[in-house]
Amino acid sequence: MATRLVIREKQLETWTAIVQECRDSGMKTEDWLAENNISKDQYYYWFKQLRLAACMQASGPQPELPVETEKQQIVKFECANYQNDFDSYSNSKIRIDRGSIHIEIDGGAAPAVIRSIMEVFVDTE
């Protein structure tokens, strides 16, 4: 691996010297390339590689984001099986507040709906 890095560094040095020599000549790039027997495609490949290397060097190593390994809390939630009587529950509500999360469920909500809401609520913790 270290050998590859050394080879790459040497290539970048060589390409930098070629690009710099072309720029310092005062000639048009096309004319300089023709005079020095370098293809236009090869020259611009080297130029692109130099730009990429400069961008990588400027950005530096990317910091790793800390990963929290807090164990998730599992909450068991059971709903009794019953038939909803919408008339008697229509005015009641269930309200759950936890931090910035507020949930309000109509009393006539089906157990499956309540279960789904609670699963989402637990997942957001």
C-alpha atoms as a PDB file:
ATOM      1  CA  MET A   1       0.000   0.000   0.000  1.00  0.00           C
ATOM      2  CA  ALA A   2       2.815   2.400   0.882  1.00  0.00           C
ATOM      3  CA  THR A   3       4.444   1.639  -2.480  1.00  0.00           C
ATOM      4  CA  ARG A   4       1.305   2.754  -4.296  1.00  0.00           C
ATOM      5  CA  LEU A   5       1.292   6.016  -2.361  1.00  0.00           C
ATOM      6  CA  VAL A   6       4.922   6.683  -3.228  1.00  0.00           C
ATOM      7  CA  ILE A   7       4.258   5.960  -6.908  1.00  0.00           C
ATOM      8  CA  ARG A   8       1.202   8.225  -6.875  1.00  0.00           C
ATOM      9  CA  GLU A   9       3.158  11.051  -5.222  1.00  0.00           C
ATOM     10  CA  LYS A  10       5.872  10.739  -7.879  1.00  0.00           C
ATOM     11  CA  GLN A  11       3.236  10.836 -10.646  1.00  0.00           C
ATOM     12  CA  LEU A  12       1.659  13.949  -9.151  1.00  0.00           C
ATOM     13  CA  GLU A  13       5.058  15.657  -8.939  1.00  0.00           C
ATOM     14  CA  THR A  14       5.807  14.823 -12.586  1.00  0.00           C
ATOM     15  CA  TRP A  15       2.384  15.976 -13.775  1.00  0.00           C
ATOM     16  CA  THR A  16       2.659  19.192 -11.765  1.00  0.00           C
ATOM     17  CA  ALA A  17       6.000  19.952 -13.406  1.00  0.00           C
ATOM     18  CA  ILE A  18       4.543  19.334 -16.889  1.00  0.00           C
ATOM     19  CA  VAL A  19       1.482  21.523 -16.290  1.00  0.00           C
ATOM     20  CA  GLN A  20       3.639  24.257 -14.750  1.00  0.00           C
ATOM     21  CA  GLU A  21       6.076  24.150 -17.660  1.00  0.00           C
ATOM     22  CA  CYS A  22       3.171  24.481 -20.104  1.00  0.00           C
ATOM     23  CA  ARG A  23       1.761  27.456 -18.204  1.00  0.00           C
ATOM     24  CA  ASP A  24       5.151  29.154 -17.843  1.00  0.00           C
ATOM     25  CA  SER A  25       5.896  28.837 -21.569  1.00  0.00           C
ATOM     26  CA  GLY A  26       3.479  31.608 -22.482  1.00  0.00           C
ATOM     27  CA  MET A  27       2.316  29.526 -25.442  1.00  0.00           C
ATOM     28  CA  LYS A  28      -1.205  28.348 -26.111  1.00  0.00           C
ATOM     29  CA  THR A  29      -1.757  24.985 -24.462  1.00  0.00           C
ATOM     30  CA  GLU A  30      -2.452  23.283 -27.819  1.00  0.00           C
ATOM     31  CA  ASP A  31       0.764  24.607 -29.339  1.00  0.00           C
ATOM     32  CA  TRP A  32       2.877  23.632 -26.331  1.00  0.00           C
ATOM     33  CA  LEU A  33       1.396  20.128 -26.312  1.00  0.00           C
ATOM     34  CA  ALA A  34       2.138  19.654 -30.025  1.00  0.00           C
ATOM     35  CA  GLU A  35       5.706  20.906 -29.571  1.00  0.00           C
ATOM     36  CA  ASN A  36       6.283  18.519 -26.642  1.00  0.00           C
ATOM     37  CA  ASN A  37       4.548  15.486 -28.214  1.00  0.00           C
ATOM     38  CA  ILE A  38       1.902  15.237 -25.490  1.00  0.00           C
ATOM     39  CA  SER A  39      -1.657  14.401 -26.457  1.00  0.00           C
ATOM     40  CA  LYS A  40      -4.400  16.770 -25.421  1.00  0.00           C
ATOM     41  CA  ASP A  41      -6.307  13.891 -23.759  1.00  0.00           C
ATOM     42  CA  GLN A  42      -3.267  12.863 -21.716  1.00  0.00           C
ATOM     43  CA  TYR A  43      -2.553  16.428 -20.608  1.00  0.00           C
ATOM     44  CA  TYR A  44      -6.124  17.035 -19.429  1.00  0.00           C
ATOM     45  CA  TYR A  45      -6.207  13.666 -17.669  1.00  0.00           C
ATOM     46  CA  TRP A  46      -3.136  14.716 -15.705  1.00  0.00           C
ATOM     47  CA  PHE A  47      -4.682  18.118 -15.045  1.00  0.00           C
ATOM     48  CA  LYS A  48      -7.870  16.485 -13.738  1.00  0.00           C
ATOM     49  CA  GLN A  49      -5.879  14.152 -11.481  1.00  0.00           C
ATOM     50  CA  LEU A  50      -3.979  17.131 -10.047  1.00  0.00           C
ATOM     51  CA  ARG A  51      -7.241  18.963  -9.308  1.00  0.00           C
ATOM     52  CA  LEU A  52      -8.695  15.886  -7.607  1.00  0.00           C
ATOM     53  CA  ALA A  53      -5.554  15.466  -5.505  1.00  0.00           C
ATOM     54  CA  ALA A  54      -5.675  19.145  -4.523  1.00  0.00           C
ATOM     55  CA  CYS A  55      -9.325  18.849  -3.495  1.00  0.00           C
ATOM     56  CA  MET A  56      -8.616  15.725  -1.443  1.00  0.00           C
ATOM     57  CA  GLN A  57      -5.677  17.422   0.248  1.00  0.00           C
ATOM     58  CA  ALA A  58      -7.678  20.580   0.974  1.00  0.00           C
ATOM     59  CA  SER A  59     -10.556  18.691   2.538  1.00  0.00           C
ATOM     60  CA  GLY A  60      -8.217  16.585   4.658  1.00  0.00           C
ATOM     61  CA  PRO A  61      -9.271  13.399   6.369  1.00  0.00           C
ATOM     62  CA  GLN A  62     -12.978  13.240   7.030  1.00  0.00           C
ATOM     63  CA  PRO A  63     -13.742  13.112  10.752  1.00  0.00           C
ATOM     64  CA  GLU A  64     -15.728  10.158  11.958  1.00  0.00           C
ATOM     65  CA  LEU A  65     -19.033  11.009  13.534  1.00  0.00           C
ATOM     66  CA  PRO A  66     -19.555   9.625  17.006  1.00  0.00           C
ATOM     67  CA  VAL A  67     -21.924   6.696  17.117  1.00  0.00           C
ATOM     68  CA  GLU A  68     -24.122   6.360  20.142  1.00  0.00           C
ATOM     69  CA  THR A  69     -24.435   2.800  21.304  1.00  0.00           C
ATOM     70  CA  GLU A  70     -27.195   3.397  23.799  1.00  0.00           C
ATOM     71  CA  LYS A  71     -29.339   0.327  24.195  1.00  0.00           C
ATOM     72  CA  GLN A  72     -32.881   0.853  22.967  1.00  0.00           C
ATOM     73  CA  GLN A  73     -35.590   0.594  25.539  1.00  0.00           C
ATOM     74  CA  ILE A  74     -38.347  -1.834  24.633  1.00  0.00           C
ATOM     75  CA  VAL A  75     -41.782  -1.017  25.946  1.00  0.00           C
ATOM     76  CA  LYS A  76     -44.470  -3.654  25.814  1.00  0.00           C
ATOM     77  CA  PHE A  77     -47.866  -2.237  25.046  1.00  0.00           C
ATOM     78  CA  GLU A  78     -50.962  -4.375  25.071  1.00  0.00           C
ATOM     79  CA  CYS A  79     -54.456  -3.431  24.041  1.00  0.00           C
ATOM     80  CA  ALA A  80     -57.422  -5.322  25.341  1.00  0.00           C
ATOM     81  CA  ASN A  81     -59.606  -6.853  22.674  1.00  0.00           C
ATOM     82  CA  TYR A  82     -62.964  -5.155  22.859  1.00  0.00           C
ATOM     83  CA  GLN A  83     -65.613  -3.742  20.595  1.00  0.00           C
ATOM     84  CA  ASN A  84     -65.455   0.017  20.278  1.00  0.00           C
ATOM     85  CA  ASP A  85     -68.480   1.880  21.493  1.00  0.00           C
ATOM     86  CA  PHE A  86     -67.915   5.123  19.589  1.00  0.00           C
ATOM     87  CA  ASP A  87     -70.729   6.966  21.361  1.00  0.00           C
ATOM     88  CA  SER A  88     -69.282   6.511  24.843  1.00  0.00           C
ATOM     89  CA  TYR A  89     -65.695   7.231  23.781  1.00  0.00           C
ATOM     90  CA  SER A  90     -66.272  10.055  21.315  1.00  0.00           C
ATOM     91  CA  ASN A  91     -65.456  12.831  23.803  1.00  0.00           C
ATOM     92  CA  SER A  92     -62.508  11.165  25.532  1.00  0.00           C
ATOM     93  CA  LYS A  93     -58.913  11.513  24.387  1.00  0.00           C
ATOM     94  CA  ILE A  94     -55.586   9.975  25.240  1.00  0.00           C
ATOM     95  CA  ARG A  95     -52.732  12.471  25.460  1.00  0.00           C
ATOM     96  CA  ILE A  96     -49.093  11.462  25.764  1.00  0.00           C
ATOM     97  CA  ASP A  97     -46.315  14.032  26.220  1.00  0.00           C
ATOM     98  CA  ARG A  98     -42.662  13.112  26.149  1.00  0.00           C
ATOM     99  CA  GLY A  99     -40.090  15.825  25.576  1.00  0.00           C
ATOM    100  CA  SER A 100     -40.941  17.626  22.361  1.00  0.00           C
ATOM    101  CA  ILE A 101     -43.259  14.853  21.197  1.00  0.00           C
ATOM    102  CA  HIS A 102     -46.983  15.236  21.864  1.00  0.00           C
ATOM    103  CA  ILE A 103     -49.511  12.629  20.827  1.00  0.00           C
ATOM    104  CA  GLU A 104     -53.267  12.953  21.178  1.00  0.00           C
ATOM    105  CA  ILE A 105     -55.492  10.010  20.257  1.00  0.00           C
ATOM    106  CA  ASP A 106     -59.276  10.064  20.121  1.00  0.00           C
ATOM    107  CA  GLY A 107     -60.905   7.724  22.618  1.00  0.00           C
ATOM    108  CA  GLY A 108     -62.734   5.950  19.837  1.00  0.00           C
ATOM    109  CA  ALA A 109     -59.541   4.923  18.049  1.00  0.00           C
ATOM    110  CA  ALA A 110     -59.253   1.247  17.236  1.00  0.00           C
ATOM    111  CA  PRO A 111     -56.699  -0.745  19.250  1.00  0.00           C
ATOM    112  CA  ALA A 112     -54.710  -1.446  16.072  1.00  0.00           C
ATOM    113  CA  VAL A 113     -54.408   2.303  15.440  1.00  0.00           C
ATOM    114  CA  ILE A 114     -53.294   2.946  19.024  1.00  0.00           C
ATOM    115  CA  ARG A 115     -50.783   0.085  18.776  1.00  0.00           C
ATOM    116  CA  SER A 116     -49.353   1.515  15.527  1.00  0.00           C
ATOM    117  CA  ILE A 117     -49.047   4.995  17.027  1.00  0.00           C
ATOM    118  CA  MET A 118     -47.305   3.639  20.115  1.00  0.00           C
ATOM    119  CA  GLU A 119     -44.853   1.650  17.975  1.00  0.00           C
ATOM    120  CA  VAL A 120     -43.925   4.821  16.088  1.00  0.00           C
ATOM    121  CA  PHE A 121     -43.672   6.718  19.374  1.00  0.00           C
ATOM    122  CA  VAL A 122     -41.281   4.133  20.829  1.00  0.00           C
ATOM    123  CA  ASP A 123     -39.182   4.163  17.620  1.00  0.00           C
ATOM    124  CA  THR A 124     -38.683   7.955  17.873  1.00  0.00           C
ATOM    125  CA  GLU A 125     -37.064   7.765  21.282  1.00  0.00           C
END
